[in-house]
């Protein structure tokens, strides 16, 4: 199978489908649900899990599975320069950095120049390949859990990560930056922000791009500088109309389309209720009621 697939609107206009990649080591059923959702919303894209022998069963016939161990060499090399400075476990935090080396080496081996990377608890509702590349110019490398990245910039990030951990002065810069943004623990998320803001010199989108939003975290509001969404039970209140998902901007009658939802932490329990084929397809707005796990009519 080739690195890319293409679908054509006309003979003159073909759209190259971006591969969608997940990296996950353990066998958890929600991973398979997120992969199937990505395939449902991106039927012409390759949907790929880089994982372990234990989770190969999560890849259905229309998705692909590759062993993580095949792409681990440069990730292993990074482990020798990594410094641990967080309350998260050593293995977990190290792997959060290593996954970018794994993704880079996988893309090289497959001849993939650009892909969409998703964490294994992200449900995707937009066809990434049909979006203009410019939609992602500022969003690339902003979120570790949802990003569209090209191989050139991923190479640059891997070199960046190695430099910031290997060189004592750069590591002190990283520690100082983490302190300045709120005493954040050292993680790939912090390095992403540093890379996005200062190496790539991109402005923050907070996930609000292409007339919708890529969710930061279902359990969290939008960034303070952004319009806020209605919430319920400590989570964003999610609406549906005609099978598409939205949040409602607080104090207005405006709705913002959900490109993705990030079911972080205990919110993973809601993933089975948010598969596109299980969402009501009604002309009127309905919202998901978290306590009952049911879609109910919204007030006009």
C-alpha atoms as a PDB file:
ATOM      1  CA  UNK A   1       0.000   0.000   0.000  1.00  0.00           C
ATOM      2  CA  UNK A   2       1.343   3.427  -0.910  1.00  0.00           C
ATOM      3  CA  UNK A   3       2.133   6.139   1.575  1.00  0.00           C
ATOM      4  CA  UNK A   4      -0.766   8.224   0.351  1.00  0.00           C
ATOM      5  CA  UNK A   5      -4.142   7.636  -1.223  1.00  0.00           C
ATOM      6  CA  UNK A   6      -5.920  10.119  -3.446  1.00  0.00           C
ATOM      7  CA  UNK A   7      -9.526  10.824  -4.242  1.00  0.00           C
ATOM      8  CA  UNK A   8     -10.675  13.046  -7.056  1.00  0.00           C
ATOM      9  CA  UNK A   9     -13.518  15.519  -7.231  1.00  0.00           C
ATOM     10  CA  UNK A  10     -12.890  15.897 -10.942  1.00  0.00           C
ATOM     11  CA  UNK A  11     -10.320  14.541 -13.363  1.00  0.00           C
ATOM     12  CA  UNK A  12      -8.411  17.784 -12.952  1.00  0.00           C
ATOM     13  CA  UNK A  13      -8.560  17.986  -9.153  1.00  0.00           C
ATOM     14  CA  UNK A  14      -7.266  15.230  -6.907  1.00  0.00           C
ATOM     15  CA  UNK A  15      -6.926  15.544  -3.139  1.00  0.00           C
ATOM     16  CA  UNK A  16      -4.154  13.608  -1.428  1.00  0.00           C
ATOM     17  CA  UNK A  17      -5.464  11.924   1.708  1.00  0.00           C
ATOM     18  CA  UNK A  18      -3.378  12.429   4.828  1.00  0.00           C
ATOM     19  CA  UNK A  19      -2.494   9.302   6.804  1.00  0.00           C
ATOM     20  CA  UNK A  20      -3.829   9.393  10.374  1.00  0.00           C
ATOM     21  CA  UNK A  21      -1.483   7.866  12.945  1.00  0.00           C
ATOM     22  CA  UNK A  22      -2.012   6.676  16.518  1.00  0.00           C
ATOM     23  CA  UNK A  23       0.776   5.429  18.814  1.00  0.00           C
ATOM     24  CA  UNK A  24      -0.257   3.277  21.776  1.00  0.00           C
ATOM     25  CA  UNK A  25       1.490   0.450  23.618  1.00  0.00           C
ATOM     26  CA  UNK A  26      -1.276  -1.244  25.607  1.00  0.00           C
ATOM     27  CA  UNK A  27      -4.469  -3.061  24.643  1.00  0.00           C
ATOM     28  CA  UNK A  28      -7.426  -0.815  25.463  1.00  0.00           C
ATOM     29  CA  UNK A  29     -10.684  -0.977  23.547  1.00  0.00           C
ATOM     30  CA  UNK A  30     -11.189   2.779  23.367  1.00  0.00           C
ATOM     31  CA  UNK A  31      -8.164   2.957  21.048  1.00  0.00           C
ATOM     32  CA  UNK A  32      -9.968   0.856  18.459  1.00  0.00           C
ATOM     33  CA  UNK A  33     -13.064   3.055  18.735  1.00  0.00           C
ATOM     34  CA  UNK A  34     -10.990   6.184  18.093  1.00  0.00           C
ATOM     35  CA  UNK A  35      -9.337   4.528  15.096  1.00  0.00           C
ATOM     36  CA  UNK A  36     -12.700   3.540  13.643  1.00  0.00           C
ATOM     37  CA  UNK A  37     -14.029   7.064  14.157  1.00  0.00           C
ATOM     38  CA  UNK A  38     -11.017   8.467  12.310  1.00  0.00           C
ATOM     39  CA  UNK A  39     -11.706   6.071   9.446  1.00  0.00           C
ATOM     40  CA  UNK A  40     -15.418   6.916   9.442  1.00  0.00           C
ATOM     41  CA  UNK A  41     -14.732  10.641   9.107  1.00  0.00           C
ATOM     42  CA  UNK A  42     -11.744  10.155   6.782  1.00  0.00           C
ATOM     43  CA  UNK A  43     -12.714   7.185   4.597  1.00  0.00           C
ATOM     44  CA  UNK A  44      -9.985   7.758   2.012  1.00  0.00           C
ATOM     45  CA  UNK A  45      -7.146   8.067   4.559  1.00  0.00           C
ATOM     46  CA  UNK A  46      -4.861   5.390   5.894  1.00  0.00           C
ATOM     47  CA  UNK A  47      -5.562   4.965   9.606  1.00  0.00           C
ATOM     48  CA  UNK A  48      -2.550   3.462  11.351  1.00  0.00           C
ATOM     49  CA  UNK A  49      -1.772   2.192  14.840  1.00  0.00           C
ATOM     50  CA  UNK A  50       1.888   1.916  15.793  1.00  0.00           C
ATOM     51  CA  UNK A  51       1.681  -0.415  18.736  1.00  0.00           C
ATOM     52  CA  UNK A  52       2.510  -3.755  20.289  1.00  0.00           C
ATOM     53  CA  UNK A  53       1.673  -7.389  19.529  1.00  0.00           C
ATOM     54  CA  UNK A  54      -0.906  -7.192  22.338  1.00  0.00           C
ATOM     55  CA  UNK A  55      -2.987  -4.500  20.645  1.00  0.00           C
ATOM     56  CA  UNK A  56      -2.852  -5.683  17.049  1.00  0.00           C
ATOM     57  CA  UNK A  57      -6.453  -6.862  17.407  1.00  0.00           C
ATOM     58  CA  UNK A  58      -7.539  -3.206  17.663  1.00  0.00           C
ATOM     59  CA  UNK A  59      -6.803  -2.700  13.963  1.00  0.00           C
ATOM     60  CA  UNK A  60      -9.797  -3.785  11.930  1.00  0.00           C
ATOM     61  CA  UNK A  61      -9.598  -4.746   8.262  1.00  0.00           C
ATOM     62  CA  UNK A  62      -9.819  -1.140   7.111  1.00  0.00           C
ATOM     63  CA  UNK A  63      -6.957   0.068   9.347  1.00  0.00           C
ATOM     64  CA  UNK A  64      -3.283  -0.850   9.700  1.00  0.00           C
ATOM     65  CA  UNK A  65      -1.011  -1.984  12.526  1.00  0.00           C
ATOM     66  CA  UNK A  66       2.771  -1.669  12.754  1.00  0.00           C
ATOM     67  CA  UNK A  67       5.018  -2.843  15.564  1.00  0.00           C
ATOM     68  CA  UNK A  68       6.494   0.032  17.514  1.00  0.00           C
ATOM     69  CA  UNK A  69       9.709  -1.927  18.032  1.00  0.00           C
ATOM     70  CA  UNK A  70      10.541  -1.539  14.326  1.00  0.00           C
ATOM     71  CA  UNK A  71      10.891   2.233  14.710  1.00  0.00           C
ATOM     72  CA  UNK A  72      12.497   2.511  18.137  1.00  0.00           C
ATOM     73  CA  UNK A  73      16.191   3.070  17.391  1.00  0.00           C
ATOM     74  CA  UNK A  74      16.333   6.872  17.578  1.00  0.00           C
ATOM     75  CA  UNK A  75      13.789   6.864  20.420  1.00  0.00           C
ATOM     76  CA  UNK A  76      16.153   4.612  22.348  1.00  0.00           C
ATOM     77  CA  UNK A  77      19.040   6.988  21.623  1.00  0.00           C
ATOM     78  CA  UNK A  78      17.010   9.880  23.048  1.00  0.00           C
ATOM     79  CA  UNK A  79      16.588   7.995  26.333  1.00  0.00           C
ATOM     80  CA  UNK A  80      20.315   8.482  27.024  1.00  0.00           C
ATOM     81  CA  UNK A  81      19.995  12.290  27.062  1.00  0.00           C
ATOM     82  CA  UNK A  82      16.551  12.522  28.692  1.00  0.00           C
ATOM     83  CA  UNK A  83      16.367  14.113  32.156  1.00  0.00           C
ATOM     84  CA  UNK A  84      13.379  13.400  34.379  1.00  0.00           C
ATOM     85  CA  UNK A  85      11.818  16.387  36.136  1.00  0.00           C
ATOM     86  CA  UNK A  86       8.129  15.673  36.758  1.00  0.00           C
ATOM     87  CA  UNK A  87       5.870  13.789  39.134  1.00  0.00           C
ATOM     88  CA  UNK A  88       4.760  11.579  36.243  1.00  0.00           C
ATOM     89  CA  UNK A  89       6.479   8.221  36.076  1.00  0.00           C
ATOM     90  CA  UNK A  90       9.840   8.080  34.324  1.00  0.00           C
ATOM     91  CA  UNK A  91       8.669   5.557  31.728  1.00  0.00           C
ATOM     92  CA  UNK A  92       5.484   7.463  30.878  1.00  0.00           C
ATOM     93  CA  UNK A  93       7.100  10.869  30.517  1.00  0.00           C
ATOM     94  CA  UNK A  94      10.050   9.537  28.540  1.00  0.00           C
ATOM     95  CA  UNK A  95       7.725   7.776  26.114  1.00  0.00           C
ATOM     96  CA  UNK A  96       5.760  10.986  25.556  1.00  0.00           C
ATOM     97  CA  UNK A  97       8.961  12.400  24.053  1.00  0.00           C
ATOM     98  CA  UNK A  98      10.023   9.173  22.351  1.00  0.00           C
ATOM     99  CA  UNK A  99       6.792   8.879  20.386  1.00  0.00           C
ATOM    100  CA  UNK A 100       7.849  11.799  18.177  1.00  0.00           C
ATOM    101  CA  UNK A 101      11.056   9.986  17.234  1.00  0.00           C
ATOM    102  CA  UNK A 102       9.002   6.851  16.560  1.00  0.00           C
ATOM    103  CA  UNK A 103       6.577   8.809  14.382  1.00  0.00           C
ATOM    104  CA  UNK A 104       9.463  10.478  12.536  1.00  0.00           C
ATOM    105  CA  UNK A 105      11.165   7.165  11.789  1.00  0.00           C
ATOM    106  CA  UNK A 106       7.864   5.569  10.765  1.00  0.00           C
ATOM    107  CA  UNK A 107       7.132   8.396   8.329  1.00  0.00           C
ATOM    108  CA  UNK A 108      10.610   8.047   6.868  1.00  0.00           C
ATOM    109  CA  UNK A 109      10.184   4.314   6.372  1.00  0.00           C
ATOM    110  CA  UNK A 110       6.790   4.738   4.705  1.00  0.00           C
ATOM    111  CA  UNK A 111       7.696   7.699   2.531  1.00  0.00           C
ATOM    112  CA  UNK A 112       5.090   9.861   4.293  1.00  0.00           C
ATOM    113  CA  UNK A 113       5.805  13.582   4.076  1.00  0.00           C
ATOM    114  CA  UNK A 114       2.792  14.780   6.075  1.00  0.00           C
ATOM    115  CA  UNK A 115       0.324  13.169   8.453  1.00  0.00           C
ATOM    116  CA  UNK A 116      -2.225  13.775  11.172  1.00  0.00           C
ATOM    117  CA  UNK A 117      -1.217  12.471  14.598  1.00  0.00           C
ATOM    118  CA  UNK A 118      -3.889  11.780  17.227  1.00  0.00           C
ATOM    119  CA  UNK A 119      -3.678  10.606  20.806  1.00  0.00           C
ATOM    120  CA  UNK A 120      -5.550   7.380  21.402  1.00  0.00           C
ATOM    121  CA  UNK A 121      -8.387   9.148  23.253  1.00  0.00           C
ATOM    122  CA  UNK A 122      -9.201  11.653  20.489  1.00  0.00           C
ATOM    123  CA  UNK A 123     -12.295  11.236  18.318  1.00  0.00           C
ATOM    124  CA  UNK A 124     -11.989  12.945  14.916  1.00  0.00           C
ATOM    125  CA  UNK A 125     -15.073  14.347  13.169  1.00  0.00           C
ATOM    126  CA  UNK A 126     -13.665  16.274  10.218  1.00  0.00           C
ATOM    127  CA  UNK A 127     -12.086  15.048   7.002  1.00  0.00           C
ATOM    128  CA  UNK A 128      -8.570  16.373   7.500  1.00  0.00           C
ATOM    129  CA  UNK A 129      -7.604  15.952   3.861  1.00  0.00           C
ATOM    130  CA  UNK A 130     -10.385  18.258   2.664  1.00  0.00           C
ATOM    131  CA  UNK A 131      -9.070  21.141   4.763  1.00  0.00           C
ATOM    132  CA  UNK A 132      -6.780  23.705   3.191  1.00  0.00           C
ATOM    133  CA  UNK A 133      -3.173  23.325   4.244  1.00  0.00           C
ATOM    134  CA  UNK A 134      -3.233  26.953   5.379  1.00  0.00           C
ATOM    135  CA  UNK A 135      -5.796  26.016   8.043  1.00  0.00           C
ATOM    136  CA  UNK A 136      -3.039  24.200   9.918  1.00  0.00           C
ATOM    137  CA  UNK A 137      -0.145  26.641   9.471  1.00  0.00           C
ATOM    138  CA  UNK A 138      -0.403  28.017  12.999  1.00  0.00           C
ATOM    139  CA  UNK A 139      -1.961  24.913  14.559  1.00  0.00           C
ATOM    140  CA  UNK A 140       0.885  22.550  13.661  1.00  0.00           C
ATOM    141  CA  UNK A 141       2.910  21.491  16.739  1.00  0.00           C
ATOM    142  CA  UNK A 142       0.577  23.402  19.057  1.00  0.00           C
ATOM    143  CA  UNK A 143      -1.133  20.344  20.608  1.00  0.00           C
ATOM    144  CA  UNK A 144       0.686  17.097  21.337  1.00  0.00           C
ATOM    145  CA  UNK A 145      -2.589  15.142  21.252  1.00  0.00           C
ATOM    146  CA  UNK A 146      -3.822  16.445  17.891  1.00  0.00           C
ATOM    147  CA  UNK A 147      -1.546  17.832  15.219  1.00  0.00           C
ATOM    148  CA  UNK A 148      -0.981  17.889  11.495  1.00  0.00           C
ATOM    149  CA  UNK A 149       2.758  17.820  10.924  1.00  0.00           C
ATOM    150  CA  UNK A 150       5.171  17.395   8.068  1.00  0.00           C
ATOM    151  CA  UNK A 151       8.334  15.337   8.163  1.00  0.00           C
ATOM    152  CA  UNK A 152      10.648  18.326   7.802  1.00  0.00           C
ATOM    153  CA  UNK A 153       9.275  20.032  10.915  1.00  0.00           C
ATOM    154  CA  UNK A 154       9.140  16.739  12.797  1.00  0.00           C
ATOM    155  CA  UNK A 155      12.834  16.244  12.047  1.00  0.00           C
ATOM    156  CA  UNK A 156      13.413  19.745  13.352  1.00  0.00           C
ATOM    157  CA  UNK A 157      11.456  19.016  16.543  1.00  0.00           C
ATOM    158  CA  UNK A 158      13.363  15.800  17.243  1.00  0.00           C
ATOM    159  CA  UNK A 159      16.652  17.678  16.891  1.00  0.00           C
ATOM    160  CA  UNK A 160      15.222  20.412  19.103  1.00  0.00           C
ATOM    161  CA  UNK A 161      14.252  17.913  21.825  1.00  0.00           C
ATOM    162  CA  UNK A 162      17.671  16.278  21.764  1.00  0.00           C
ATOM    163  CA  UNK A 163      19.433  19.650  21.989  1.00  0.00           C
ATOM    164  CA  UNK A 164      17.316  20.891  24.899  1.00  0.00           C
ATOM    165  CA  UNK A 165      17.980  17.785  26.975  1.00  0.00           C
ATOM    166  CA  UNK A 166      21.601  17.173  26.014  1.00  0.00           C
ATOM    167  CA  UNK A 167      22.902  20.723  26.436  1.00  0.00           C
ATOM    168  CA  UNK A 168      22.826  22.000  30.060  1.00  0.00           C
ATOM    169  CA  UNK A 169      22.206  25.621  29.050  1.00  0.00           C
ATOM    170  CA  UNK A 170      19.290  24.695  26.811  1.00  0.00           C
ATOM    171  CA  UNK A 171      17.881  22.470  29.541  1.00  0.00           C
ATOM    172  CA  UNK A 172      17.988  25.384  31.971  1.00  0.00           C
ATOM    173  CA  UNK A 173      16.118  27.455  29.370  1.00  0.00           C
ATOM    174  CA  UNK A 174      13.467  24.734  29.232  1.00  0.00           C
ATOM    175  CA  UNK A 175      13.164  24.669  33.026  1.00  0.00           C
ATOM    176  CA  UNK A 176      12.843  28.452  33.154  1.00  0.00           C
ATOM    177  CA  UNK A 177      10.214  28.476  30.401  1.00  0.00           C
ATOM    178  CA  UNK A 178       8.180  25.827  32.224  1.00  0.00           C
ATOM    179  CA  UNK A 179       8.313  27.981  35.351  1.00  0.00           C
ATOM    180  CA  UNK A 180       7.198  31.080  33.462  1.00  0.00           C
ATOM    181  CA  UNK A 181       4.092  29.398  32.041  1.00  0.00           C
ATOM    182  CA  UNK A 182       2.849  28.355  35.459  1.00  0.00           C
ATOM    183  CA  UNK A 183       5.371  26.001  37.035  1.00  0.00           C
ATOM    184  CA  UNK A 184       4.445  23.357  34.479  1.00  0.00           C
ATOM    185  CA  UNK A 185       6.135  19.956  34.796  1.00  0.00           C
ATOM    186  CA  UNK A 186       8.641  19.214  32.049  1.00  0.00           C
ATOM    187  CA  UNK A 187       6.773  17.343  29.334  1.00  0.00           C
ATOM    188  CA  UNK A 188       6.577  17.152  25.575  1.00  0.00           C
ATOM    189  CA  UNK A 189       3.620  19.567  25.837  1.00  0.00           C
ATOM    190  CA  UNK A 190       5.908  22.244  27.283  1.00  0.00           C
ATOM    191  CA  UNK A 191       8.554  21.643  24.630  1.00  0.00           C
ATOM    192  CA  UNK A 192       5.849  21.778  21.949  1.00  0.00           C
ATOM    193  CA  UNK A 193       4.830  25.248  23.136  1.00  0.00           C
ATOM    194  CA  UNK A 194       8.441  26.422  23.126  1.00  0.00           C
ATOM    195  CA  UNK A 195       9.024  24.950  19.661  1.00  0.00           C
ATOM    196  CA  UNK A 196       5.722  26.275  18.274  1.00  0.00           C
ATOM    197  CA  UNK A 197       6.140  29.800  19.620  1.00  0.00           C
ATOM    198  CA  UNK A 198       9.878  30.395  19.228  1.00  0.00           C
ATOM    199  CA  UNK A 199      11.323  27.967  16.673  1.00  0.00           C
ATOM    200  CA  UNK A 200       8.391  27.945  14.248  1.00  0.00           C
ATOM    201  CA  UNK A 201       7.277  31.440  15.305  1.00  0.00           C
ATOM    202  CA  UNK A 202       3.595  30.584  15.002  1.00  0.00           C
ATOM    203  CA  UNK A 203       0.772  32.308  16.826  1.00  0.00           C
ATOM    204  CA  UNK A 204      -1.469  30.399  19.214  1.00  0.00           C
ATOM    205  CA  UNK A 205      -4.792  29.172  17.823  1.00  0.00           C
ATOM    206  CA  UNK A 206      -5.914  27.307  20.959  1.00  0.00           C
ATOM    207  CA  UNK A 207      -7.334  24.734  18.567  1.00  0.00           C
ATOM    208  CA  UNK A 208      -9.899  27.106  17.055  1.00  0.00           C
ATOM    209  CA  UNK A 209      -9.210  26.855  13.322  1.00  0.00           C
ATOM    210  CA  UNK A 210     -11.099  26.202  10.084  1.00  0.00           C
ATOM    211  CA  UNK A 211     -14.439  27.462  11.444  1.00  0.00           C
ATOM    212  CA  UNK A 212     -14.420  24.985  14.300  1.00  0.00           C
ATOM    213  CA  UNK A 213     -12.302  23.610  17.117  1.00  0.00           C
ATOM    214  CA  UNK A 214      -9.891  20.780  17.766  1.00  0.00           C
ATOM    215  CA  UNK A 215     -10.623  20.040  21.390  1.00  0.00           C
ATOM    216  CA  UNK A 216      -8.020  20.750  24.037  1.00  0.00           C
ATOM    217  CA  UNK A 217      -9.745  18.633  26.677  1.00  0.00           C
ATOM    218  CA  UNK A 218     -13.422  17.795  27.113  1.00  0.00           C
ATOM    219  CA  UNK A 219     -13.009  18.475  30.842  1.00  0.00           C
ATOM    220  CA  UNK A 220     -11.644  21.991  30.344  1.00  0.00           C
ATOM    221  CA  UNK A 221     -12.984  25.292  28.990  1.00  0.00           C
ATOM    222  CA  UNK A 222     -11.434  27.043  26.034  1.00  0.00           C
ATOM    223  CA  UNK A 223      -8.412  29.249  26.693  1.00  0.00           C
ATOM    224  CA  UNK A 224      -9.260  32.429  28.659  1.00  0.00           C
ATOM    225  CA  UNK A 225      -8.682  34.625  25.597  1.00  0.00           C
ATOM    226  CA  UNK A 226     -11.265  32.668  23.572  1.00  0.00           C
ATOM    227  CA  UNK A 227     -15.070  32.776  23.629  1.00  0.00           C
ATOM    228  CA  UNK A 228     -16.283  30.243  26.189  1.00  0.00           C
ATOM    229  CA  UNK A 229     -18.510  27.222  25.594  1.00  0.00           C
ATOM    230  CA  UNK A 230     -21.471  26.141  27.674  1.00  0.00           C
ATOM    231  CA  UNK A 231     -20.586  23.385  30.121  1.00  0.00           C
ATOM    232  CA  UNK A 232     -22.369  20.601  31.945  1.00  0.00           C
ATOM    233  CA  UNK A 233     -21.105  18.467  34.814  1.00  0.00           C
ATOM    234  CA  UNK A 234     -17.644  20.044  34.515  1.00  0.00           C
ATOM    235  CA  UNK A 235     -17.314  19.245  30.815  1.00  0.00           C
ATOM    236  CA  UNK A 236     -18.033  21.030  27.557  1.00  0.00           C
ATOM    237  CA  UNK A 237     -21.687  20.622  26.655  1.00  0.00           C
ATOM    238  CA  UNK A 238     -21.757  18.927  23.269  1.00  0.00           C
ATOM    239  CA  UNK A 239     -24.648  19.381  20.860  1.00  0.00           C
ATOM    240  CA  UNK A 240     -25.579  17.566  17.682  1.00  0.00           C
ATOM    241  CA  UNK A 241     -27.589  18.623  14.666  1.00  0.00           C
ATOM    242  CA  UNK A 242     -27.902  16.518  11.528  1.00  0.00           C
ATOM    243  CA  UNK A 243     -25.268  14.200  12.991  1.00  0.00           C
ATOM    244  CA  UNK A 244     -22.598  16.917  13.293  1.00  0.00           C
ATOM    245  CA  UNK A 245     -21.206  17.961  16.678  1.00  0.00           C
ATOM    246  CA  UNK A 246     -20.964  21.459  18.127  1.00  0.00           C
ATOM    247  CA  UNK A 247     -20.456  23.415  21.299  1.00  0.00           C
ATOM    248  CA  UNK A 248     -22.527  26.502  22.049  1.00  0.00           C
ATOM    249  CA  UNK A 249     -20.824  29.799  22.789  1.00  0.00           C
ATOM    250  CA  UNK A 250     -21.944  30.985  26.212  1.00  0.00           C
ATOM    251  CA  UNK A 251     -24.403  33.870  26.215  1.00  0.00           C
ATOM    252  CA  UNK A 252     -25.042  33.678  22.468  1.00  0.00           C
ATOM    253  CA  UNK A 253     -27.011  31.645  19.956  1.00  0.00           C
ATOM    254  CA  UNK A 254     -23.791  30.760  18.109  1.00  0.00           C
ATOM    255  CA  UNK A 255     -22.472  27.225  17.716  1.00  0.00           C
ATOM    256  CA  UNK A 256     -18.896  26.157  16.941  1.00  0.00           C
ATOM    257  CA  UNK A 257     -18.272  22.976  14.985  1.00  0.00           C
ATOM    258  CA  UNK A 258     -16.270  20.223  16.701  1.00  0.00           C
ATOM    259  CA  UNK A 259     -13.440  18.960  14.501  1.00  0.00           C
ATOM    260  CA  UNK A 260     -12.400  16.613  17.318  1.00  0.00           C
ATOM    261  CA  UNK A 261     -13.097  15.818  20.955  1.00  0.00           C
ATOM    262  CA  UNK A 262     -10.396  14.852  23.441  1.00  0.00           C
ATOM    263  CA  UNK A 263     -11.754  12.385  26.000  1.00  0.00           C
ATOM    264  CA  UNK A 264      -8.960  12.787  28.506  1.00  0.00           C
ATOM    265  CA  UNK A 265      -8.842  10.888  31.788  1.00  0.00           C
ATOM    266  CA  UNK A 266     -12.148   9.575  33.117  1.00  0.00           C
ATOM    267  CA  UNK A 267     -13.949  11.045  30.096  1.00  0.00           C
ATOM    268  CA  UNK A 268     -12.788   8.033  28.085  1.00  0.00           C
ATOM    269  CA  UNK A 269     -15.914   6.311  29.407  1.00  0.00           C
ATOM    270  CA  UNK A 270     -18.012   8.500  27.076  1.00  0.00           C
ATOM    271  CA  UNK A 271     -16.186   7.504  23.882  1.00  0.00           C
ATOM    272  CA  UNK A 272     -18.645   4.711  22.910  1.00  0.00           C
ATOM    273  CA  UNK A 273     -21.509   7.233  22.900  1.00  0.00           C
ATOM    274  CA  UNK A 274     -19.753   9.608  20.506  1.00  0.00           C
ATOM    275  CA  UNK A 275     -19.255   7.378  17.474  1.00  0.00           C
ATOM    276  CA  UNK A 276     -20.687   9.186  14.447  1.00  0.00           C
ATOM    277  CA  UNK A 277     -22.915   6.265  13.510  1.00  0.00           C
ATOM    278  CA  UNK A 278     -24.473   6.301  17.004  1.00  0.00           C
ATOM    279  CA  UNK A 279     -25.136  10.036  17.195  1.00  0.00           C
ATOM    280  CA  UNK A 280     -28.778  11.007  16.494  1.00  0.00           C
ATOM    281  CA  UNK A 281     -29.224  12.621  13.103  1.00  0.00           C
ATOM    282  CA  UNK A 282     -32.012  15.095  13.782  1.00  0.00           C
ATOM    283  CA  UNK A 283     -32.906  18.473  12.297  1.00  0.00           C
ATOM    284  CA  UNK A 284     -33.163  20.004  15.759  1.00  0.00           C
ATOM    285  CA  UNK A 285     -30.343  20.437  18.244  1.00  0.00           C
ATOM    286  CA  UNK A 286     -29.864  17.777  20.902  1.00  0.00           C
ATOM    287  CA  UNK A 287     -27.207  17.709  23.608  1.00  0.00           C
ATOM    288  CA  UNK A 288     -25.415  14.857  25.331  1.00  0.00           C
ATOM    289  CA  UNK A 289     -26.487  14.500  28.948  1.00  0.00           C
ATOM    290  CA  UNK A 290     -23.459  13.167  30.828  1.00  0.00           C
ATOM    291  CA  UNK A 291     -25.286  11.806  33.914  1.00  0.00           C
ATOM    292  CA  UNK A 292     -27.655   9.651  31.822  1.00  0.00           C
ATOM    293  CA  UNK A 293     -25.345   9.106  28.817  1.00  0.00           C
ATOM    294  CA  UNK A 294     -28.214   9.980  26.481  1.00  0.00           C
ATOM    295  CA  UNK A 295     -28.842  12.536  23.769  1.00  0.00           C
ATOM    296  CA  UNK A 296     -31.768  14.748  24.762  1.00  0.00           C
ATOM    297  CA  UNK A 297     -33.580  17.598  22.962  1.00  0.00           C
ATOM    298  CA  UNK A 298     -32.107  21.036  23.554  1.00  0.00           C
ATOM    299  CA  UNK A 299     -34.324  23.926  24.529  1.00  0.00           C
ATOM    300  CA  UNK A 300     -35.056  26.250  21.583  1.00  0.00           C
END
